[in-house]
Amino acid sequence: MERKNNKQPKLHVRKGDLVKVISGDSKGQQGKVLEVMPAERTAIVEKVNMVSKHTRPNAQNTQGGIVKQEAPVRISKLMVVDPSSGKPGRVGRRLEDGKLVRYVKTKK
């Protein structure tokens, strides 16, 4: 869903959210969102979708070699996990004390 004024997609996932992968090779894994890239509609999730990257020797890694790191995951494959129940659900917004607050809608 595109917004009218700023042309950036509205996403249900934010940096710092605990999410669960609902489809793909990493299905069932949970992790914390490290980075969100709205233009590509992807997010990097901690310890999810690990790939091997071949690196040359440099100042940080003098040896070089193969490094395991997280690759981006499509946001449509992620569901936010409710911190109180630990179940994944959809994100809603409601007014509390005059401010919009995000909350997770889970099945009962």
N, C-alpha and C. Protein backbone atom coordinates (compact mmCIF):
# COMPACT_ATOMS: atom_id res chain seq x y z
N MET A 1 0.84 -1.18 0.00
CA MET A 1 0.00 0.00 0.00
C MET A 1 0.89 1.24 0.00
N GLU A 2 0.81 2.02 -1.05
CA GLU A 2 1.59 3.26 -1.15
C GLU A 2 0.88 4.39 -0.43
N ARG A 3 1.64 5.26 0.17
CA ARG A 3 1.06 6.45 0.78
C ARG A 3 1.03 7.58 -0.24
N LYS A 4 0.13 8.54 -0.09
CA LYS A 4 -0.05 9.58 -1.10
C LYS A 4 1.10 10.58 -1.14
N ASN A 5 1.54 11.05 0.03
CA ASN A 5 2.50 12.15 0.05
C ASN A 5 3.96 11.73 -0.07
N ASN A 6 4.41 10.77 0.75
CA ASN A 6 5.84 10.49 0.77
C ASN A 6 6.26 9.28 -0.05
N LYS A 7 5.33 8.58 -0.68
CA LYS A 7 5.63 7.49 -1.63
C LYS A 7 6.40 6.32 -1.02
N GLN A 8 6.47 6.24 0.29
CA GLN A 8 7.11 5.08 0.91
C GLN A 8 6.06 4.11 1.37
N PRO A 9 6.28 2.81 1.17
CA PRO A 9 5.26 1.84 1.57
C PRO A 9 5.09 1.80 3.09
N LYS A 10 3.86 1.55 3.52
CA LYS A 10 3.58 1.42 4.95
C LYS A 10 3.79 -0.03 5.33
N LEU A 11 4.67 -0.28 6.27
CA LEU A 11 5.07 -1.63 6.63
C LEU A 11 4.61 -1.97 8.05
N HIS A 12 4.35 -3.26 8.29
CA HIS A 12 3.92 -3.71 9.61
C HIS A 12 5.10 -4.08 10.50
N VAL A 13 6.31 -4.06 9.97
CA VAL A 13 7.50 -4.46 10.71
C VAL A 13 8.40 -3.25 10.93
N ARG A 14 8.93 -3.13 12.14
CA ARG A 14 9.86 -2.05 12.47
C ARG A 14 11.14 -2.62 13.05
N LYS A 15 12.18 -1.81 13.05
CA LYS A 15 13.45 -2.21 13.64
C LYS A 15 13.25 -2.48 15.13
N GLY A 16 13.77 -3.61 15.62
CA GLY A 16 13.64 -3.97 17.03
C GLY A 16 12.49 -4.91 17.32
N ASP A 17 11.58 -5.12 16.36
CA ASP A 17 10.46 -6.03 16.56
C ASP A 17 10.94 -7.48 16.60
N LEU A 18 10.27 -8.31 17.38
CA LEU A 18 10.50 -9.75 17.37
C LEU A 18 9.55 -10.33 16.34
N VAL A 19 10.09 -11.03 15.34
CA VAL A 19 9.27 -11.55 14.24
C VAL A 19 9.48 -13.04 14.06
N LYS A 20 8.50 -13.67 13.40
CA LYS A 20 8.58 -15.09 13.06
C LYS A 20 8.42 -15.21 11.56
N VAL A 21 9.24 -16.10 10.94
CA VAL A 21 9.17 -16.33 9.50
C VAL A 21 8.06 -17.34 9.24
N ILE A 22 7.14 -17.00 8.33
CA ILE A 22 5.98 -17.88 8.10
C ILE A 22 6.09 -18.70 6.82
N SER A 23 7.08 -18.43 5.96
CA SER A 23 7.25 -19.25 4.76
C SER A 23 8.69 -19.15 4.27
N GLY A 24 9.07 -20.10 3.43
CA GLY A 24 10.41 -20.11 2.86
C GLY A 24 11.33 -21.07 3.58
N ASP A 25 12.62 -21.01 3.25
CA ASP A 25 13.62 -21.92 3.82
C ASP A 25 13.78 -21.73 5.33
N SER A 26 13.58 -20.52 5.83
CA SER A 26 13.75 -20.23 7.25
C SER A 26 12.44 -20.29 8.02
N LYS A 27 11.44 -20.99 7.49
CA LYS A 27 10.11 -21.05 8.11
C LYS A 27 10.19 -21.54 9.55
N GLY A 28 9.48 -20.82 10.45
CA GLY A 28 9.43 -21.20 11.85
C GLY A 28 10.47 -20.53 12.72
N GLN A 29 11.48 -19.92 12.13
CA GLN A 29 12.53 -19.26 12.92
C GLN A 29 12.06 -17.91 13.42
N GLN A 30 12.55 -17.52 14.61
CA GLN A 30 12.24 -16.22 15.18
C GLN A 30 13.51 -15.43 15.35
N GLY A 31 13.38 -14.11 15.30
CA GLY A 31 14.53 -13.25 15.51
C GLY A 31 14.11 -11.80 15.62
N LYS A 32 15.07 -10.97 15.99
CA LYS A 32 14.85 -9.55 16.15
C LYS A 32 15.21 -8.85 14.84
N VAL A 33 14.40 -7.88 14.43
CA VAL A 33 14.66 -7.14 13.19
C VAL A 33 15.82 -6.18 13.42
N LEU A 34 16.88 -6.34 12.62
CA LEU A 34 18.06 -5.49 12.74
C LEU A 34 17.97 -4.27 11.84
N GLU A 35 17.35 -4.44 10.66
CA GLU A 35 17.28 -3.35 9.70
C GLU A 35 16.08 -3.57 8.78
N VAL A 36 15.41 -2.48 8.42
CA VAL A 36 14.28 -2.54 7.49
C VAL A 36 14.62 -1.68 6.28
N MET A 37 14.40 -2.25 5.09
CA MET A 37 14.64 -1.51 3.85
C MET A 37 13.30 -1.35 3.12
N PRO A 38 12.59 -0.23 3.35
CA PRO A 38 11.24 -0.07 2.80
C PRO A 38 11.20 -0.04 1.28
N ALA A 39 12.19 0.51 0.64
CA ALA A 39 12.17 0.61 -0.82
C ALA A 39 12.18 -0.78 -1.47
N GLU A 40 12.91 -1.72 -0.88
CA GLU A 40 12.98 -3.09 -1.40
C GLU A 40 11.95 -4.01 -0.75
N ARG A 41 11.25 -3.50 0.27
CA ARG A 41 10.28 -4.28 1.06
C ARG A 41 10.93 -5.52 1.68
N THR A 42 12.13 -5.34 2.22
CA THR A 42 12.85 -6.43 2.87
C THR A 42 13.32 -6.00 4.26
N ALA A 43 13.71 -6.99 5.06
CA ALA A 43 14.25 -6.73 6.39
C ALA A 43 15.34 -7.74 6.68
N ILE A 44 16.30 -7.33 7.48
CA ILE A 44 17.35 -8.25 7.93
C ILE A 44 16.99 -8.66 9.36
N VAL A 45 16.87 -9.97 9.58
CA VAL A 45 16.45 -10.50 10.87
C VAL A 45 17.62 -11.29 11.46
N GLU A 46 17.83 -11.09 12.76
CA GLU A 46 18.94 -11.73 13.48
C GLU A 46 18.85 -13.25 13.41
N LYS A 47 19.91 -13.91 12.98
CA LYS A 47 20.06 -15.37 12.93
C LYS A 47 19.04 -16.06 12.00
N VAL A 48 18.51 -15.33 11.01
CA VAL A 48 17.56 -15.89 10.05
C VAL A 48 18.09 -15.66 8.64
N ASN A 49 17.91 -16.65 7.76
CA ASN A 49 18.35 -16.58 6.36
C ASN A 49 19.86 -16.35 6.27
N MET A 50 20.61 -17.19 6.96
CA MET A 50 22.07 -17.07 6.98
C MET A 50 22.66 -17.54 5.65
N VAL A 51 23.60 -16.76 5.12
CA VAL A 51 24.28 -17.10 3.87
C VAL A 51 25.78 -17.04 4.10
N SER A 52 26.52 -17.76 3.25
CA SER A 52 27.99 -17.74 3.32
C SER A 52 28.50 -16.72 2.32
N LYS A 53 29.32 -15.80 2.80
CA LYS A 53 29.88 -14.77 1.94
C LYS A 53 31.40 -14.93 1.92
N HIS A 54 31.97 -14.96 0.72
CA HIS A 54 33.41 -15.08 0.57
C HIS A 54 34.02 -13.69 0.63
N THR A 55 35.00 -13.50 1.54
CA THR A 55 35.59 -12.18 1.72
C THR A 55 37.09 -12.22 1.47
N ARG A 56 37.58 -11.13 0.95
CA ARG A 56 39.02 -10.98 0.74
C ARG A 56 39.66 -10.49 2.03
N PRO A 57 40.95 -10.69 2.18
CA PRO A 57 41.63 -10.14 3.36
C PRO A 57 41.55 -8.61 3.35
N ASN A 58 41.24 -8.03 4.51
CA ASN A 58 41.21 -6.57 4.64
C ASN A 58 41.66 -6.19 6.04
N ALA A 59 41.51 -4.92 6.41
CA ALA A 59 42.00 -4.45 7.71
C ALA A 59 41.27 -5.13 8.87
N GLN A 60 39.95 -5.33 8.76
CA GLN A 60 39.20 -5.95 9.84
C GLN A 60 39.45 -7.46 9.89
N ASN A 61 39.48 -8.09 8.73
CA ASN A 61 39.65 -9.54 8.66
C ASN A 61 40.91 -9.83 7.85
N THR A 62 42.04 -9.94 8.53
CA THR A 62 43.32 -10.10 7.83
C THR A 62 43.43 -11.45 7.14
N GLN A 63 42.69 -12.44 7.62
CA GLN A 63 42.76 -13.78 7.06
C GLN A 63 41.91 -13.92 5.80
N GLY A 64 40.75 -13.24 5.78
CA GLY A 64 39.81 -13.44 4.68
C GLY A 64 39.05 -14.74 4.90
N GLY A 65 38.40 -15.26 3.85
CA GLY A 65 37.73 -16.55 3.96
C GLY A 65 36.22 -16.43 3.84
N ILE A 66 35.52 -17.40 4.42
CA ILE A 66 34.07 -17.47 4.32
C ILE A 66 33.44 -16.97 5.61
N VAL A 67 32.51 -16.02 5.48
CA VAL A 67 31.85 -15.42 6.64
C VAL A 67 30.36 -15.70 6.53
N LYS A 68 29.73 -16.14 7.63
CA LYS A 68 28.28 -16.34 7.67
C LYS A 68 27.63 -15.03 8.08
N GLN A 69 26.60 -14.60 7.33
CA GLN A 69 25.88 -13.39 7.68
C GLN A 69 24.42 -13.48 7.24
N GLU A 70 23.59 -12.59 7.80
CA GLU A 70 22.17 -12.59 7.49
C GLU A 70 21.91 -11.94 6.14
N ALA A 71 20.99 -12.51 5.39
CA ALA A 71 20.55 -11.94 4.12
C ALA A 71 19.14 -11.38 4.31
N PRO A 72 18.73 -10.42 3.48
CA PRO A 72 17.39 -9.84 3.63
C PRO A 72 16.28 -10.86 3.38
N VAL A 73 15.15 -10.67 4.09
CA VAL A 73 13.96 -11.50 3.95
C VAL A 73 12.82 -10.58 3.52
N ARG A 74 11.95 -11.06 2.63
CA ARG A 74 10.80 -10.28 2.22
C ARG A 74 9.90 -10.03 3.43
N ILE A 75 9.38 -8.82 3.55
CA ILE A 75 8.57 -8.46 4.71
C ILE A 75 7.25 -9.23 4.72
N SER A 76 6.76 -9.63 3.55
CA SER A 76 5.50 -10.38 3.49
C SER A 76 5.63 -11.75 4.14
N LYS A 77 6.84 -12.23 4.35
CA LYS A 77 7.06 -13.54 4.97
C LYS A 77 7.25 -13.45 6.48
N LEU A 78 7.08 -12.25 7.05
CA LEU A 78 7.32 -12.05 8.48
C LEU A 78 6.02 -11.68 9.20
N MET A 79 5.87 -12.21 10.42
CA MET A 79 4.76 -11.83 11.30
C MET A 79 5.34 -11.38 12.63
N VAL A 80 4.79 -10.31 13.18
CA VAL A 80 5.25 -9.79 14.46
C VAL A 80 4.76 -10.70 15.58
N VAL A 81 5.65 -10.98 16.56
CA VAL A 81 5.31 -11.86 17.68
C VAL A 81 4.86 -11.00 18.87
N ASP A 82 3.74 -11.39 19.47
CA ASP A 82 3.21 -10.70 20.65
C ASP A 82 4.14 -10.97 21.84
N PRO A 83 4.66 -9.92 22.48
CA PRO A 83 5.61 -10.14 23.59
C PRO A 83 4.97 -10.82 24.80
N SER A 84 3.67 -10.61 25.04
CA SER A 84 3.05 -11.19 26.23
C SER A 84 2.72 -12.67 26.05
N SER A 85 2.16 -13.06 24.90
CA SER A 85 1.77 -14.45 24.70
C SER A 85 2.80 -15.28 23.94
N GLY A 86 3.67 -14.61 23.17
CA GLY A 86 4.67 -15.33 22.39
C GLY A 86 4.13 -15.88 21.08
N LYS A 87 2.89 -15.49 20.70
CA LYS A 87 2.29 -15.97 19.46
C LYS A 87 2.40 -14.90 18.38
N PRO A 88 2.59 -15.31 17.11
CA PRO A 88 2.61 -14.32 16.03
C PRO A 88 1.21 -13.85 15.70
N GLY A 89 1.11 -12.63 15.18
CA GLY A 89 -0.19 -12.08 14.82
C GLY A 89 -0.04 -10.86 13.93
N ARG A 90 -1.16 -10.26 13.61
CA ARG A 90 -1.17 -9.07 12.78
C ARG A 90 -1.03 -7.84 13.66
N VAL A 91 -0.58 -6.75 13.06
CA VAL A 91 -0.35 -5.53 13.81
C VAL A 91 -1.52 -4.58 13.62
N GLY A 92 -2.02 -4.02 14.73
CA GLY A 92 -3.07 -3.02 14.69
C GLY A 92 -2.62 -1.78 15.44
N ARG A 93 -3.41 -0.72 15.31
CA ARG A 93 -3.10 0.51 16.04
C ARG A 93 -4.35 0.96 16.75
N ARG A 94 -4.19 1.43 17.99
CA ARG A 94 -5.32 1.95 18.76
C ARG A 94 -4.88 3.17 19.55
N LEU A 95 -5.86 3.99 19.91
CA LEU A 95 -5.59 5.21 20.67
C LEU A 95 -5.50 4.89 22.16
N GLU A 96 -4.38 5.26 22.77
CA GLU A 96 -4.20 5.14 24.21
C GLU A 96 -3.61 6.44 24.72
N ASP A 97 -4.33 7.12 25.58
CA ASP A 97 -3.89 8.41 26.14
C ASP A 97 -3.58 9.43 25.04
N GLY A 98 -4.39 9.44 23.99
CA GLY A 98 -4.21 10.42 22.92
C GLY A 98 -3.11 10.09 21.92
N LYS A 99 -2.48 8.92 22.04
CA LYS A 99 -1.42 8.52 21.11
C LYS A 99 -1.78 7.20 20.44
N LEU A 100 -1.38 7.05 19.18
CA LEU A 100 -1.58 5.78 18.49
C LEU A 100 -0.50 4.80 18.94
N VAL A 101 -0.93 3.64 19.40
CA VAL A 101 -0.03 2.61 19.91
C VAL A 101 -0.20 1.35 19.07
N ARG A 102 0.90 0.74 18.68
CA ARG A 102 0.84 -0.53 17.93
C ARG A 102 0.59 -1.68 18.90
N TYR A 103 -0.21 -2.65 18.46
CA TYR A 103 -0.42 -3.85 19.25
C TYR A 103 -0.57 -5.03 18.29
N VAL A 104 -0.38 -6.25 18.82
CA VAL A 104 -0.43 -7.45 18.00
C VAL A 104 -1.77 -8.15 18.23
N LYS A 105 -2.47 -8.44 17.13
CA LYS A 105 -3.75 -9.15 17.19
C LYS A 105 -3.45 -10.63 17.00
N THR A 106 -3.65 -11.43 18.05
CA THR A 106 -3.38 -12.87 17.97
C THR A 106 -4.67 -13.63 18.08
N LYS A 107 -4.66 -14.88 17.61
CA LYS A 107 -5.83 -15.73 17.75
C LYS A 107 -5.95 -16.19 19.18
N LYS A 108 -7.14 -16.37 19.64
CA LYS A 108 -7.37 -16.75 21.03
C LYS A 108 -7.16 -18.23 21.26
